[in-house]
PDB file of N, CA and C in Angstrom:
ATOM      1  N   UNK A   1     -13.898  45.863  -0.460  1.00  0.00           N
ATOM      2  CA  UNK A   1     -13.636  46.017  -1.910  1.00  0.00           C
ATOM      3  C   UNK A   1     -12.376  45.196  -2.236  1.00  0.00           C
ATOM      4  N   UNK A   2     -12.284  44.482  -3.255  1.00  0.00           N
ATOM      5  CA  UNK A   2     -11.067  43.808  -3.767  1.00  0.00           C
ATOM      6  C   UNK A   2     -10.115  44.831  -4.243  1.00  0.00           C
ATOM      7  N   UNK A   3      -8.860  44.797  -3.814  1.00  0.00           N
ATOM      8  CA  UNK A   3      -7.770  45.698  -4.259  1.00  0.00           C
ATOM      9  C   UNK A   3      -7.623  45.459  -5.829  1.00  0.00           C
ATOM     10  N   UNK A   4      -7.605  46.524  -6.559  1.00  0.00           N
ATOM     11  CA  UNK A   4      -7.561  46.437  -8.024  1.00  0.00           C
ATOM     12  C   UNK A   4      -6.256  45.762  -8.403  1.00  0.00           C
ATOM     13  N   UNK A   5      -5.235  45.998  -7.542  1.00  0.00           N
ATOM     14  CA  UNK A   5      -3.901  45.388  -7.913  1.00  0.00           C
ATOM     15  C   UNK A   5      -3.936  43.877  -7.788  1.00  0.00           C
ATOM     16  N   UNK A   6      -4.815  43.372  -6.912  1.00  0.00           N
ATOM     17  CA  UNK A   6      -4.918  41.917  -6.887  1.00  0.00           C
ATOM     18  C   UNK A   6      -5.436  41.331  -8.197  1.00  0.00           C
ATOM     19  N   UNK A   7      -6.267  41.974  -8.828  1.00  0.00           N
ATOM     20  CA  UNK A   7      -6.734  41.431 -10.061  1.00  0.00           C
ATOM     21  C   UNK A   7      -6.113  41.959 -11.385  1.00  0.00           C
ATOM     22  N   UNK A   8      -5.240  42.955 -11.277  1.00  0.00           N
ATOM     23  CA  UNK A   8      -4.627  43.454 -12.355  1.00  0.00           C
ATOM     24  C   UNK A   8      -3.785  42.390 -13.094  1.00  0.00           C
ATOM     25  N   UNK A   9      -3.099  41.696 -12.352  1.00  0.00           N
ATOM     26  CA  UNK A   9      -2.172  40.630 -12.867  1.00  0.00           C
ATOM     27  C   UNK A   9      -2.986  39.595 -13.613  1.00  0.00           C
ATOM     28  N   UNK A  10      -4.117  39.250 -13.041  1.00  0.00           N
ATOM     29  CA  UNK A  10      -5.018  38.250 -13.733  1.00  0.00           C
ATOM     30  C   UNK A  10      -5.496  38.797 -15.043  1.00  0.00           C
ATOM     31  N   UNK A  11      -5.882  40.049 -15.076  1.00  0.00           N
ATOM     32  CA  UNK A  11      -6.329  40.682 -16.321  1.00  0.00           C
ATOM     33  C   UNK A  11      -5.330  40.796 -17.307  1.00  0.00           C
ATOM     34  N   UNK A  12      -4.048  41.171 -16.890  1.00  0.00           N
ATOM     35  CA  UNK A  12      -3.004  41.219 -17.847  1.00  0.00           C
ATOM     36  C   UNK A  12      -2.617  39.935 -18.528  1.00  0.00           C
ATOM     37  N   UNK A  13      -2.689  38.796 -17.682  1.00  0.00           N
ATOM     38  CA  UNK A  13      -2.398  37.451 -18.191  1.00  0.00           C
ATOM     39  C   UNK A  13      -3.574  37.104 -19.093  1.00  0.00           C
ATOM     40  N   UNK A  14      -4.758  37.412 -18.681  1.00  0.00           N
ATOM     41  CA  UNK A  14      -5.985  37.141 -19.558  1.00  0.00           C
ATOM     42  C   UNK A  14      -5.763  37.844 -20.915  1.00  0.00           C
ATOM     43  N   UNK A  15      -5.388  39.065 -20.922  1.00  0.00           N
ATOM     44  CA  UNK A  15      -5.208  39.844 -22.117  1.00  0.00           C
ATOM     45  C   UNK A  15      -4.228  39.164 -23.041  1.00  0.00           C
ATOM     46  N   UNK A  16      -3.057  38.683 -22.494  1.00  0.00           N
ATOM     47  CA  UNK A  16      -2.055  38.047 -23.283  1.00  0.00           C
ATOM     48  C   UNK A  16      -2.540  36.627 -23.871  1.00  0.00           C
ATOM     49  N   UNK A  17      -3.251  35.932 -23.112  1.00  0.00           N
ATOM     50  CA  UNK A  17      -3.820  34.610 -23.584  1.00  0.00           C
ATOM     51  C   UNK A  17      -4.907  34.868 -24.562  1.00  0.00           C
ATOM     52  N   UNK A  18      -5.659  35.893 -24.428  1.00  0.00           N
ATOM     53  CA  UNK A  18      -6.789  36.181 -25.436  1.00  0.00           C
ATOM     54  C   UNK A  18      -6.208  36.742 -26.779  1.00  0.00           C
ATOM     55  N   UNK A  19      -5.164  37.684 -26.629  1.00  0.00           N
ATOM     56  CA  UNK A  19      -4.498  38.136 -27.780  1.00  0.00           C
ATOM     57  C   UNK A  19      -3.883  36.941 -28.604  1.00  0.00           C
ATOM     58  N   UNK A  20      -3.148  35.920 -27.881  1.00  0.00           N
ATOM     59  CA  UNK A  20      -2.636  34.783 -28.661  1.00  0.00           C
ATOM     60  C   UNK A  20      -3.823  33.930 -29.283  1.00  0.00           C
ATOM     61  N   UNK A  21      -4.847  33.855 -28.605  1.00  0.00           N
ATOM     62  CA  UNK A  21      -5.968  33.104 -29.202  1.00  0.00           C
ATOM     63  C   UNK A  21      -6.395  33.720 -30.500  1.00  0.00           C
ATOM     64  N   UNK A  22      -6.682  35.047 -30.381  1.00  0.00           N
ATOM     65  CA  UNK A  22      -7.107  35.831 -31.510  1.00  0.00           C
ATOM     66  C   UNK A  22      -6.194  35.732 -32.753  1.00  0.00           C
ATOM     67  N   UNK A  23      -4.854  35.792 -32.374  1.00  0.00           N
ATOM     68  CA  UNK A  23      -3.841  35.589 -33.558  1.00  0.00           C
ATOM     69  C   UNK A  23      -3.921  34.202 -34.040  1.00  0.00           C
ATOM     70  N   UNK A  24      -4.068  33.229 -33.290  1.00  0.00           N
ATOM     71  CA  UNK A  24      -4.144  31.814 -33.713  1.00  0.00           C
ATOM     72  C   UNK A  24      -5.382  31.568 -34.627  1.00  0.00           C
ATOM     73  N   UNK A  25      -6.525  32.081 -34.083  1.00  0.00           N
ATOM     74  CA  UNK A  25      -7.787  31.879 -34.847  1.00  0.00           C
ATOM     75  C   UNK A  25      -7.667  32.587 -36.197  1.00  0.00           C
ATOM     76  N   UNK A  26      -7.196  33.847 -36.067  1.00  0.00           N
ATOM     77  CA  UNK A  26      -7.150  34.651 -37.373  1.00  0.00           C
ATOM     78  C   UNK A  26      -6.252  33.858 -38.386  1.00  0.00           C
ATOM     79  N   UNK A  27      -5.164  33.301 -37.925  1.00  0.00           N
ATOM     80  CA  UNK A  27      -4.333  32.540 -38.757  1.00  0.00           C
ATOM     81  C   UNK A  27      -4.993  31.269 -39.328  1.00  0.00           C
ATOM     82  N   UNK A  28      -5.771  30.725 -38.514  1.00  0.00           N
ATOM     83  CA  UNK A  28      -6.523  29.463 -38.941  1.00  0.00           C
ATOM     84  C   UNK A  28      -7.641  29.868 -40.025  1.00  0.00           C
ATOM     85  N   UNK A  29      -8.271  30.923 -39.801  1.00  0.00           N
ATOM     86  CA  UNK A  29      -9.266  31.365 -40.742  1.00  0.00           C
ATOM     87  C   UNK A  29      -8.600  31.695 -42.061  1.00  0.00           C
ATOM     88  N   UNK A  30      -7.542  32.480 -42.033  1.00  0.00           N
ATOM     89  CA  UNK A  30      -6.883  32.864 -43.213  1.00  0.00           C
ATOM     90  C   UNK A  30      -6.369  31.636 -43.990  1.00  0.00           C
ATOM     91  N   UNK A  31      -5.892  30.703 -43.203  1.00  0.00           N
ATOM     92  CA  UNK A  31      -5.523  29.390 -43.908  1.00  0.00           C
ATOM     93  C   UNK A  31      -6.668  28.643 -44.619  1.00  0.00           C
ATOM     94  N   UNK A  32      -7.826  28.771 -43.959  1.00  0.00           N
ATOM     95  CA  UNK A  32      -8.944  28.059 -44.501  1.00  0.00           C
ATOM     96  C   UNK A  32      -9.452  28.793 -45.757  1.00  0.00           C
ATOM     97  N   UNK A  33      -9.424  30.063 -45.655  1.00  0.00           N
ATOM     98  CA  UNK A  33      -9.817  30.898 -46.800  1.00  0.00           C
ATOM     99  C   UNK A  33      -8.881  30.658 -47.933  1.00  0.00           C
ATOM    100  N   UNK A  34      -7.650  30.638 -47.644  1.00  0.00           N
ATOM    101  CA  UNK A  34      -6.599  30.545 -48.788  1.00  0.00           C
ATOM    102  C   UNK A  34      -6.788  29.085 -49.331  1.00  0.00           C
ATOM    103  N   UNK A  35      -6.875  28.096 -48.442  1.00  0.00           N
ATOM    104  CA  UNK A  35      -7.161  26.680 -49.037  1.00  0.00           C
ATOM    105  C   UNK A  35      -8.336  26.692 -49.906  1.00  0.00           C
ATOM    106  N   UNK A  36      -9.353  27.236 -49.443  1.00  0.00           N
ATOM    107  CA  UNK A  36     -10.643  27.176 -50.328  1.00  0.00           C
ATOM    108  C   UNK A  36     -10.449  27.982 -51.600  1.00  0.00           C
ATOM    109  N   UNK A  37      -9.705  29.034 -51.619  1.00  0.00           N
ATOM    110  CA  UNK A  37      -9.429  29.817 -52.813  1.00  0.00           C
ATOM    111  C   UNK A  37      -8.648  28.992 -53.821  1.00  0.00           C
ATOM    112  N   UNK A  38      -7.698  28.130 -53.303  1.00  0.00           N
ATOM    113  CA  UNK A  38      -6.773  27.350 -54.230  1.00  0.00           C
ATOM    114  C   UNK A  38      -7.483  26.029 -54.792  1.00  0.00           C
ATOM    115  N   UNK A  39      -8.570  25.679 -54.169  1.00  0.00           N
ATOM    116  CA  UNK A  39      -9.243  24.431 -54.672  1.00  0.00           C
ATOM    117  C   UNK A  39     -10.305  24.835 -55.803  1.00  0.00           C
ATOM    118  N   UNK A  40     -10.537  23.978 -56.669  1.00  0.00           N
ATOM    119  CA  UNK A  40     -11.320  24.237 -57.878  1.00  0.00           C
ATOM    120  C   UNK A  40     -12.803  23.787 -57.520  1.00  0.00           C
ATOM    121  N   UNK A  41     -12.949  23.008 -56.422  1.00  0.00           N
ATOM    122  CA  UNK A  41     -14.300  22.570 -56.092  1.00  0.00           C
ATOM    123  C   UNK A  41     -15.066  23.641 -55.335  1.00  0.00           C
ATOM    124  N   UNK A  42     -16.465  23.539 -55.225  1.00  0.00           N
ATOM    125  CA  UNK A  42     -17.177  24.463 -54.530  1.00  0.00           C
ATOM    126  C   UNK A  42     -17.770  23.639 -53.299  1.00  0.00           C
ATOM    127  N   UNK A  43     -18.131  24.361 -52.216  1.00  0.00           N
ATOM    128  CA  UNK A  43     -18.658  23.813 -51.027  1.00  0.00           C
ATOM    129  C   UNK A  43     -19.963  22.962 -51.209  1.00  0.00           C
ATOM    130  N   UNK A  44     -20.702  23.397 -52.163  1.00  0.00           N
ATOM    131  CA  UNK A  44     -21.950  22.689 -52.397  1.00  0.00           C
ATOM    132  C   UNK A  44     -21.854  21.317 -52.914  1.00  0.00           C
ATOM    133  N   UNK A  45     -20.839  21.129 -53.795  1.00  0.00           N
ATOM    134  CA  UNK A  45     -20.715  19.744 -54.384  1.00  0.00           C
ATOM    135  C   UNK A  45     -19.554  18.947 -53.911  1.00  0.00           C
ATOM    136  N   UNK A  46     -18.678  19.642 -53.060  1.00  0.00           N
ATOM    137  CA  UNK A  46     -17.550  18.851 -52.492  1.00  0.00           C
ATOM    138  C   UNK A  46     -18.007  18.182 -51.210  1.00  0.00           C
ATOM    139  N   UNK A  47     -17.832  16.874 -51.089  1.00  0.00           N
ATOM    140  CA  UNK A  47     -18.296  16.112 -49.863  1.00  0.00           C
ATOM    141  C   UNK A  47     -17.653  16.760 -48.582  1.00  0.00           C
ATOM    142  N   UNK A  48     -16.466  17.332 -48.687  1.00  0.00           N
ATOM    143  CA  UNK A  48     -15.871  17.893 -47.507  1.00  0.00           C
ATOM    144  C   UNK A  48     -16.327  19.403 -47.295  1.00  0.00           C
ATOM    145  N   UNK A  49     -17.026  19.966 -48.220  1.00  0.00           N
ATOM    146  CA  UNK A  49     -17.373  21.342 -48.308  1.00  0.00           C
ATOM    147  C   UNK A  49     -18.186  21.744 -47.094  1.00  0.00           C
ATOM    148  N   UNK A  50     -19.059  21.051 -46.707  1.00  0.00           N
ATOM    149  CA  UNK A  50     -20.020  21.416 -45.548  1.00  0.00           C
ATOM    150  C   UNK A  50     -19.187  21.440 -44.246  1.00  0.00           C
ATOM    151  N   UNK A  51     -18.302  20.432 -44.186  1.00  0.00           N
ATOM    152  CA  UNK A  51     -17.371  20.356 -42.971  1.00  0.00           C
ATOM    153  C   UNK A  51     -16.461  21.608 -43.019  1.00  0.00           C
ATOM    154  N   UNK A  52     -15.874  21.851 -44.125  1.00  0.00           N
ATOM    155  CA  UNK A  52     -14.963  23.020 -44.154  1.00  0.00           C
ATOM    156  C   UNK A  52     -15.648  24.267 -43.862  1.00  0.00           C
ATOM    157  N   UNK A  53     -16.864  24.513 -44.368  1.00  0.00           N
ATOM    158  CA  UNK A  53     -17.663  25.618 -44.095  1.00  0.00           C
ATOM    159  C   UNK A  53     -18.135  25.717 -42.711  1.00  0.00           C
ATOM    160  N   UNK A  54     -18.442  24.622 -41.994  1.00  0.00           N
ATOM    161  CA  UNK A  54     -18.721  24.503 -40.604  1.00  0.00           C
ATOM    162  C   UNK A  54     -17.536  25.016 -39.812  1.00  0.00           C
ATOM    163  N   UNK A  55     -16.410  24.407 -39.991  1.00  0.00           N
ATOM    164  CA  UNK A  55     -15.165  24.703 -39.390  1.00  0.00           C
ATOM    165  C   UNK A  55     -14.835  26.222 -39.434  1.00  0.00           C
ATOM    166  N   UNK A  56     -14.922  26.829 -40.690  1.00  0.00           N
ATOM    167  CA  UNK A  56     -14.706  28.173 -40.851  1.00  0.00           C
ATOM    168  C   UNK A  56     -15.724  28.999 -39.994  1.00  0.00           C
ATOM    169  N   UNK A  57     -16.899  28.627 -40.083  1.00  0.00           N
ATOM    170  CA  UNK A  57     -17.973  29.322 -39.368  1.00  0.00           C
ATOM    171  C   UNK A  57     -17.629  29.272 -37.833  1.00  0.00           C
ATOM    172  N   UNK A  58     -17.305  28.084 -37.297  1.00  0.00           N
ATOM    173  CA  UNK A  58     -17.020  27.876 -35.930  1.00  0.00           C
ATOM    174  C   UNK A  58     -15.804  28.802 -35.556  1.00  0.00           C
ATOM    175  N   UNK A  59     -14.857  28.776 -36.301  1.00  0.00           N
ATOM    176  CA  UNK A  59     -13.637  29.581 -36.014  1.00  0.00           C
ATOM    177  C   UNK A  59     -13.927  31.089 -36.009  1.00  0.00           C
ATOM    178  N   UNK A  60     -14.719  31.537 -36.997  1.00  0.00           N
ATOM    179  CA  UNK A  60     -15.146  32.877 -36.932  1.00  0.00           C
ATOM    180  C   UNK A  60     -15.912  33.234 -35.768  1.00  0.00           C
ATOM    181  N   UNK A  61     -16.879  32.411 -35.285  1.00  0.00           N
ATOM    182  CA  UNK A  61     -17.597  32.655 -34.048  1.00  0.00           C
ATOM    183  C   UNK A  61     -16.635  32.777 -32.866  1.00  0.00           C
ATOM    184  N   UNK A  62     -15.642  31.802 -32.804  1.00  0.00           N
ATOM    185  CA  UNK A  62     -14.794  31.921 -31.652  1.00  0.00           C
ATOM    186  C   UNK A  62     -13.922  33.118 -31.685  1.00  0.00           C
ATOM    187  N   UNK A  63     -13.476  33.550 -32.883  1.00  0.00           N
ATOM    188  CA  UNK A  63     -12.793  34.775 -33.042  1.00  0.00           C
ATOM    189  C   UNK A  63     -13.617  35.994 -32.590  1.00  0.00           C
ATOM    190  N   UNK A  64     -14.843  36.118 -32.973  1.00  0.00           N
ATOM    191  CA  UNK A  64     -15.725  37.166 -32.455  1.00  0.00           C
ATOM    192  C   UNK A  64     -15.845  37.167 -31.003  1.00  0.00           C
ATOM    193  N   UNK A  65     -15.987  36.012 -30.290  1.00  0.00           N
ATOM    194  CA  UNK A  65     -16.191  35.940 -28.946  1.00  0.00           C
ATOM    195  C   UNK A  65     -14.876  36.314 -28.303  1.00  0.00           C
ATOM    196  N   UNK A  66     -13.753  35.966 -28.736  1.00  0.00           N
ATOM    197  CA  UNK A  66     -12.368  36.230 -28.171  1.00  0.00           C
ATOM    198  C   UNK A  66     -12.153  37.814 -28.315  1.00  0.00           C
ATOM    199  N   UNK A  67     -12.512  38.428 -29.381  1.00  0.00           N
ATOM    200  CA  UNK A  67     -12.404  39.786 -29.692  1.00  0.00           C
ATOM    201  C   UNK A  67     -13.144  40.581 -28.734  1.00  0.00           C
ATOM    202  N   UNK A  68     -14.516  40.210 -28.523  1.00  0.00           N
ATOM    203  CA  UNK A  68     -15.306  40.832 -27.528  1.00  0.00           C
ATOM    204  C   UNK A  68     -14.736  40.667 -26.038  1.00  0.00           C
ATOM    205  N   UNK A  69     -14.179  39.524 -25.731  1.00  0.00           N
ATOM    206  CA  UNK A  69     -13.589  39.282 -24.387  1.00  0.00           C
ATOM    207  C   UNK A  69     -12.408  40.210 -24.202  1.00  0.00           C
ATOM    208  N   UNK A  70     -11.608  40.303 -25.276  1.00  0.00           N
ATOM    209  CA  UNK A  70     -10.348  41.216 -25.227  1.00  0.00           C
ATOM    210  C   UNK A  70     -10.829  42.662 -24.896  1.00  0.00           C
ATOM    211  N   UNK A  71     -11.928  43.025 -25.569  1.00  0.00           N
ATOM    212  CA  UNK A  71     -12.356  44.449 -25.318  1.00  0.00           C
ATOM    213  C   UNK A  71     -12.820  44.590 -23.881  1.00  0.00           C
ATOM    214  N   UNK A  72     -13.458  43.507 -23.334  1.00  0.00           N
ATOM    215  CA  UNK A  72     -13.934  43.669 -21.897  1.00  0.00           C
ATOM    216  C   UNK A  72     -12.725  43.587 -20.990  1.00  0.00           C
ATOM    217  N   UNK A  73     -11.700  42.890 -21.297  1.00  0.00           N
ATOM    218  CA  UNK A  73     -10.450  42.994 -20.497  1.00  0.00           C
ATOM    219  C   UNK A  73      -9.820  44.317 -20.563  1.00  0.00           C
ATOM    220  N   UNK A  74      -9.625  44.891 -21.710  1.00  0.00           N
ATOM    221  CA  UNK A  74      -9.134  46.152 -21.940  1.00  0.00           C
ATOM    222  C   UNK A  74      -9.973  47.206 -21.056  1.00  0.00           C
ATOM    223  N   UNK A  75     -11.247  47.084 -21.199  1.00  0.00           N
ATOM    224  CA  UNK A  75     -12.046  48.078 -20.445  1.00  0.00           C
ATOM    225  C   UNK A  75     -11.881  47.939 -18.910  1.00  0.00           C
ATOM    226  N   UNK A  76     -11.664  46.652 -18.513  1.00  0.00           N
ATOM    227  CA  UNK A  76     -11.498  46.438 -16.885  1.00  0.00           C
ATOM    228  C   UNK A  76     -10.142  47.168 -16.640  1.00  0.00           C
ATOM    229  N   UNK A  77      -9.118  46.906 -17.415  1.00  0.00           N
ATOM    230  CA  UNK A  77      -7.815  47.573 -17.088  1.00  0.00           C
ATOM    231  C   UNK A  77      -7.918  49.093 -17.169  1.00  0.00           C
ATOM    232  N   UNK A  78      -8.785  49.643 -18.046  1.00  0.00           N
ATOM    233  CA  UNK A  78      -9.002  50.998 -18.102  1.00  0.00           C
ATOM    234  C   UNK A  78      -9.662  51.522 -16.818  1.00  0.00           C
ATOM    235  N   UNK A  79     -10.732  50.733 -16.316  1.00  0.00           N
ATOM    236  CA  UNK A  79     -11.300  51.134 -15.042  1.00  0.00           C
ATOM    237  C   UNK A  79     -10.351  51.127 -13.918  1.00  0.00           C
ATOM    238  N   UNK A  80      -9.427  50.139 -13.923  1.00  0.00           N
ATOM    239  CA  UNK A  80      -8.363  50.102 -12.867  1.00  0.00           C
ATOM    240  C   UNK A  80      -7.631  51.425 -12.963  1.00  0.00           C
ATOM    241  N   UNK A  81      -7.073  51.794 -14.135  1.00  0.00           N
ATOM    242  CA  UNK A  81      -6.260  53.011 -14.266  1.00  0.00           C
ATOM    243  C   UNK A  81      -7.043  54.177 -13.829  1.00  0.00           C
ATOM    244  N   UNK A  82      -8.476  54.204 -14.100  1.00  0.00           N
ATOM    245  CA  UNK A  82      -9.153  55.392 -13.803  1.00  0.00           C
ATOM    246  C   UNK A  82      -9.616  55.401 -12.480  1.00  0.00           C
ATOM    247  N   UNK A  83      -9.418  54.314 -11.632  1.00  0.00           N
ATOM    248  CA  UNK A  83      -9.844  54.282 -10.277  1.00  0.00           C
ATOM    249  C   UNK A  83     -11.320  53.948  -9.996  1.00  0.00           C
ATOM    250  N   UNK A  84     -11.983  53.498 -11.077  1.00  0.00           N
ATOM    251  CA  UNK A  84     -13.421  53.169 -10.990  1.00  0.00           C
ATOM    252  C   UNK A  84     -13.663  51.570 -10.981  1.00  0.00           C
ATOM    253  N   UNK A  85     -12.668  50.834 -10.989  1.00  0.00           N
ATOM    254  CA  UNK A  85     -12.766  49.330 -10.917  1.00  0.00           C
ATOM    255  C   UNK A  85     -13.531  48.952  -9.761  1.00  0.00           C
ATOM    256  N   UNK A  86     -14.408  47.946  -9.889  1.00  0.00           N
ATOM    257  CA  UNK A  86     -15.093  47.428  -8.678  1.00  0.00           C
ATOM    258  C   UNK A  86     -16.339  48.232  -8.301  1.00  0.00           C
ATOM    259  N   UNK A  87     -16.758  49.170  -9.156  1.00  0.00           N
ATOM    260  CA  UNK A  87     -17.901  50.011  -8.810  1.00  0.00           C
ATOM    261  C   UNK A  87     -18.904  49.614 -10.008  1.00  0.00           C
ATOM    262  N   UNK A  88     -20.199  49.355  -9.586  1.00  0.00           N
ATOM    263  CA  UNK A  88     -21.156  48.999 -10.533  1.00  0.00           C
ATOM    264  C   UNK A  88     -21.464  50.278 -11.427  1.00  0.00           C
ATOM    265  N   UNK A  89     -21.597  49.964 -12.787  1.00  0.00           N
ATOM    266  CA  UNK A  89     -21.827  51.067 -13.777  1.00  0.00           C
ATOM    267  C   UNK A  89     -23.256  51.360 -13.787  1.00  0.00           C
ATOM    268  N   UNK A  90     -24.103  50.642 -13.176  1.00  0.00           N
ATOM    269  CA  UNK A  90     -25.490  50.921 -13.160  1.00  0.00           C
ATOM    270  C   UNK A  90     -25.959  51.645 -11.984  1.00  0.00           C
ATOM    271  N   UNK A  91     -25.649  51.121 -10.830  1.00  0.00           N
ATOM    272  CA  UNK A  91     -26.145  51.662  -9.623  1.00  0.00           C
ATOM    273  C   UNK A  91     -25.163  52.403  -8.749  1.00  0.00           C
ATOM    274  N   UNK A  92     -23.854  52.152  -9.129  1.00  0.00           N
ATOM    275  CA  UNK A  92     -22.741  52.871  -8.304  1.00  0.00           C
ATOM    276  C   UNK A  92     -22.332  52.335  -7.115  1.00  0.00           C
ATOM    277  N   UNK A  93     -22.932  51.178  -6.724  1.00  0.00           N
ATOM    278  CA  UNK A  93     -22.529  50.389  -5.525  1.00  0.00           C
ATOM    279  C   UNK A  93     -21.258  49.570  -5.796  1.00  0.00           C
ATOM    280  N   UNK A  94     -20.567  49.060  -4.792  1.00  0.00           N
ATOM    281  CA  UNK A  94     -19.396  48.200  -4.902  1.00  0.00           C
ATOM    282  C   UNK A  94     -19.859  46.789  -5.466  1.00  0.00           C
ATOM    283  N   UNK A  95     -19.098  46.404  -6.358  1.00  0.00           N
ATOM    284  CA  UNK A  95     -19.281  44.951  -6.872  1.00  0.00           C
ATOM    285  C   UNK A  95     -18.640  44.027  -5.990  1.00  0.00           C
ATOM    286  N   UNK A  96     -19.332  42.919  -5.587  1.00  0.00           N
ATOM    287  CA  UNK A  96     -18.856  41.992  -4.531  1.00  0.00           C
ATOM    288  C   UNK A  96     -17.417  41.487  -4.959  1.00  0.00           C
ATOM    289  N   UNK A  97     -16.637  41.423  -3.940  1.00  0.00           N
ATOM    290  CA  UNK A  97     -15.309  40.860  -4.217  1.00  0.00           C
ATOM    291  C   UNK A  97     -15.342  39.472  -4.824  1.00  0.00           C
ATOM    292  N   UNK A  98     -16.214  38.635  -4.343  1.00  0.00           N
ATOM    293  CA  UNK A  98     -16.291  37.262  -4.986  1.00  0.00           C
ATOM    294  C   UNK A  98     -16.654  37.257  -6.313  1.00  0.00           C
ATOM    295  N   UNK A  99     -17.612  38.249  -6.801  1.00  0.00           N
ATOM    296  CA  UNK A  99     -17.890  38.321  -8.242  1.00  0.00           C
ATOM    297  C   UNK A  99     -16.782  38.849  -9.096  1.00  0.00           C
ATOM    298  N   UNK A 100     -15.942  39.711  -8.507  1.00  0.00           N
ATOM    299  CA  UNK A 100     -14.785  40.156  -9.261  1.00  0.00           C
ATOM    300  C   UNK A 100     -13.783  39.141  -9.362  1.00  0.00           C
ATOM    301  N   UNK A 101     -13.637  38.387  -8.250  1.00  0.00           N
ATOM    302  CA  UNK A 101     -12.604  37.254  -8.411  1.00  0.00           C
ATOM    303  C   UNK A 101     -13.053  36.226  -9.417  1.00  0.00           C
ATOM    304  N   UNK A 102     -14.353  35.938  -9.556  1.00  0.00           N
ATOM    305  CA  UNK A 102     -14.937  34.923 -10.523  1.00  0.00           C
ATOM    306  C   UNK A 102     -14.885  35.456 -11.874  1.00  0.00           C
ATOM    307  N   UNK A 103     -15.202  36.950 -11.948  1.00  0.00           N
ATOM    308  CA  UNK A 103     -15.237  37.483 -13.284  1.00  0.00           C
ATOM    309  C   UNK A 103     -14.638  38.908 -13.238  1.00  0.00           C
ATOM    310  N   UNK A 104     -13.346  38.974 -13.316  1.00  0.00           N
ATOM    311  CA  UNK A 104     -12.596  40.179 -13.194  1.00  0.00           C
ATOM    312  C   UNK A 104     -13.074  41.277 -14.231  1.00  0.00           C
ATOM    313  N   UNK A 105     -13.755  40.910 -15.246  1.00  0.00           N
ATOM    314  CA  UNK A 105     -14.280  41.934 -16.219  1.00  0.00           C
ATOM    315  C   UNK A 105     -15.598  42.497 -15.875  1.00  0.00           C
ATOM    316  N   UNK A 106     -16.191  42.054 -14.809  1.00  0.00           N
ATOM    317  CA  UNK A 106     -17.564  42.477 -14.455  1.00  0.00           C
ATOM    318  C   UNK A 106     -17.671  44.044 -14.323  1.00  0.00           C
ATOM    319  N   UNK A 107     -18.756  44.508 -14.942  1.00  0.00           N
ATOM    320  CA  UNK A 107     -18.968  45.917 -14.781  1.00  0.00           C
ATOM    321  C   UNK A 107     -20.185  46.332 -14.043  1.00  0.00           C
ATOM    322  N   UNK A 108     -20.923  45.329 -13.520  1.00  0.00           N
ATOM    323  CA  UNK A 108     -22.097  45.611 -12.734  1.00  0.00           C
ATOM    324  C   UNK A 108     -22.149  44.628 -11.511  1.00  0.00           C
ATOM    325  N   UNK A 109     -22.769  45.025 -10.453  1.00  0.00           N
ATOM    326  CA  UNK A 109     -23.065  44.127  -9.351  1.00  0.00           C
ATOM    327  C   UNK A 109     -23.980  43.041  -9.775  1.00  0.00           C
ATOM    328  N   UNK A 110     -24.072  42.076  -8.855  1.00  0.00           N
ATOM    329  CA  UNK A 110     -24.946  40.931  -9.311  1.00  0.00           C
ATOM    330  C   UNK A 110     -26.344  41.225  -9.401  1.00  0.00           C
ATOM    331  N   UNK A 111     -26.822  42.185  -8.530  1.00  0.00           N
ATOM    332  CA  UNK A 111     -28.263  42.611  -8.587  1.00  0.00           C
ATOM    333  C   UNK A 111     -28.527  43.222  -9.920  1.00  0.00           C
ATOM    334  N   UNK A 112     -27.683  44.087 -10.339  1.00  0.00           N
ATOM    335  CA  UNK A 112     -27.922  44.836 -11.642  1.00  0.00           C
ATOM    336  C   UNK A 112     -27.634  43.836 -12.820  1.00  0.00           C
ATOM    337  N   UNK A 113     -26.755  42.952 -12.641  1.00  0.00           N
ATOM    338  CA  UNK A 113     -26.586  41.960 -13.779  1.00  0.00           C
ATOM    339  C   UNK A 113     -27.701  41.091 -13.991  1.00  0.00           C
ATOM    340  N   UNK A 114     -28.311  40.709 -12.852  1.00  0.00           N
ATOM    341  CA  UNK A 114     -29.472  39.826 -12.853  1.00  0.00           C
ATOM    342  C   UNK A 114     -30.758  40.646 -13.461  1.00  0.00           C
ATOM    343  N   UNK A 115     -30.843  41.941 -13.197  1.00  0.00           N
ATOM    344  CA  UNK A 115     -31.896  42.633 -13.695  1.00  0.00           C
ATOM    345  C   UNK A 115     -31.800  42.994 -15.115  1.00  0.00           C
ATOM    346  N   UNK A 116     -30.586  43.119 -15.659  1.00  0.00           N
ATOM    347  CA  UNK A 116     -30.443  43.262 -17.087  1.00  0.00           C
ATOM    348  C   UNK A 116     -30.467  42.087 -17.886  1.00  0.00           C
ATOM    349  N   UNK A 117     -29.986  40.904 -17.383  1.00  0.00           N
ATOM    350  CA  UNK A 117     -29.996  39.679 -18.124  1.00  0.00           C
ATOM    351  C   UNK A 117     -28.609  39.255 -18.455  1.00  0.00           C
ATOM    352  N   UNK A 118     -28.474  37.926 -18.875  1.00  0.00           N
ATOM    353  CA  UNK A 118     -27.157  37.437 -19.154  1.00  0.00           C
ATOM    354  C   UNK A 118     -26.514  38.189 -20.388  1.00  0.00           C
ATOM    355  N   UNK A 119     -25.164  38.340 -20.233  1.00  0.00           N
ATOM    356  CA  UNK A 119     -24.311  38.960 -21.188  1.00  0.00           C
ATOM    357  C   UNK A 119     -24.723  40.357 -21.693  1.00  0.00           C
ATOM    358  N   UNK A 120     -25.418  40.982 -20.743  1.00  0.00           N
ATOM    359  CA  UNK A 120     -25.842  42.364 -21.097  1.00  0.00           C
ATOM    360  C   UNK A 120     -25.220  43.506 -20.034  1.00  0.00           C
ATOM    361  N   UNK A 121     -24.834  42.909 -18.878  1.00  0.00           N
ATOM    362  CA  UNK A 121     -24.405  43.868 -17.784  1.00  0.00           C
ATOM    363  C   UNK A 121     -23.030  43.572 -17.228  1.00  0.00           C
ATOM    364  N   UNK A 122     -22.407  42.677 -17.778  1.00  0.00           N
ATOM    365  CA  UNK A 122     -21.038  42.359 -17.358  1.00  0.00           C
ATOM    366  C   UNK A 122     -20.996  41.783 -16.073  1.00  0.00           C
TER     367      UNK A 122
END
C-alpha cells in the first residue's frame, strides 16, 4: 500500500492549484458577465456575440470541472485523515499503488472502476 503521507503533499498542492484556478475562472466569468451587461448589443445580432457566448460557456464548463475536482481532492484528504485512503469504496480491497500515484483522488480499484465505467468510480 502507498503510504498516505507520500500522496498527502501532492493532494495539498493540487488543492491549492485547483482553488487558484477556480478563483481565476470565477473572475473571468464575472468579467464577461459584467462586460455583457454594460454593452447595448445582444449576442444574437452582435458579430462578436457568438464568440463571447462560447467563451463564457467554455469558462463555465471549466469552472464546473475544477469545482468537481476540488471536491474529489478534499474527499481524498478526508480519507487520509480517516485512515481509509487507498481502500476501494466498492470492494474493500487495496487500490494499487501505481493507480494512486497516477490518480491520487481514486476511490476505487482498477477492477471496480472498469466495471462502473469512466468518471463514475474514481
